[in-house]
Amino acid sequence: MKLARTRSAAAAAGTVLVALALVTACNRESTSSGAAGGADKPAIGIDLPRSDSDFWNSYADYVKKDVKADGVNALPLSNSQNDVTKLVANVQVFENTGAKAVVMAPQDTGAIASTLDTLASKKIPVVSVDTRPDKGDVYMVVRADNKAYGTKACEFLGKQLGGTGKVAEFQGALDSINGRDRSEAFAACMKTKFPKIKVFELPTDWKGDVASAKLQSLLAQHPDLNGIYMQAGGVFLQPTLALLEQKGLLKPAGQKGHISIISNDGIPQEFDAIRKGQIDATVSQPADLYAKYALYYAQAAADGKTFKAGKTDHDSTIIEIPNGLEDQLPAPLVTKDNVEDKTLWGNNVG
């Protein structure tokens, strides 16, 4: 497969650009290519999206390792800390320092369109990781099928509960395509396959404290809650387990009163919770493959290579999307039956 105004106004604008660049410098960390020939390769700008999630911290570690191992000529990494304003400023620095391609993971997928348009006008291709921008051209989205996350969670919980019960759903930010995809798929599956299960949708904006507070209120009204779907274990797992333990509701799987829990992410902490019977399953987002193929496609883009829709040689499928292509990487369901599988990245961290 072939890889398919006036001077015063101008002065003010310049001041803003300088200020943005100075602010961005505080969010940057140096990294070296780690290979002798790295400096001869096209420069790649890489923005990390946040550092308040175990999943994204693992992704950042994989990026740093792969940059060195693969001899990527990476500009100093930046971290936009879940702030689209910082992301825009960081990208602007990449533009000004010679980036030939940019890797980003915009958490607000609706607010990045104008930045993507600017990059496109300068012929700087973009690889978007985990999230798919709503508008604006992208060279490649490196992502798993997030609708499948919601469907897998629904089918697992539905079977665990025997088709009846009450489930709390910690929804991610609905201004993110990932939050929307997981929520819409979960709702559609529940409505169709398990109509006797009552789902309480709890928007959280990907914040663990918000999820915990809403769960506490829900439990006061519905003490017979017997299922939870956490759309991101990296932010929801610890506060959820802490609250359930505080209330005496953290019963191990198989014991009367156990609340069936499925998560998304595949971090080591989720695997430990599965082993202890605290939660029942998670869908493993491939943090290692996100890093590997984000860098792979960024270098390919900078080299002028092209890709097309179809099966790949790494067990995934590239699909066409309205604003580019998306490589949908595999994301397996992890339960007590396969939690020790050494091919899962969550078993190979640290």
Foldseek 3Di string as FASTA:
>chain_A
DFQADDPVVVVVVVVVLVVLLVVQVVFWAAAFQQDPCLVVAAEEAEEQEADLFPLSVVLVVLLRVCSNVVSHNYGTYGYQHLPVSNVLSSVSVCVVVGHQEYEEAHQQLAPCAVVLVVCVVVNHAYEYEQFDRPHHAHAEYEHAQLLVQLQVQLVVVCVVVVLAFEEEEAAADPSTVSSVSNVVSNVVNCVPPRVRYHYDYQYDNLAQVSVLVVVVVVCVVPVRHAEYEAAGCRHHVVSVLVSCVVVVQQDAPPDPNHREYEYEAQALVVLVCQVRRSYFKYWHIQSNVSSVVSSVVSSCSSVPTRHDFADDPQGWTWDADPRYIYTHDHTHMDGPVCSCPPVRVNNVDD
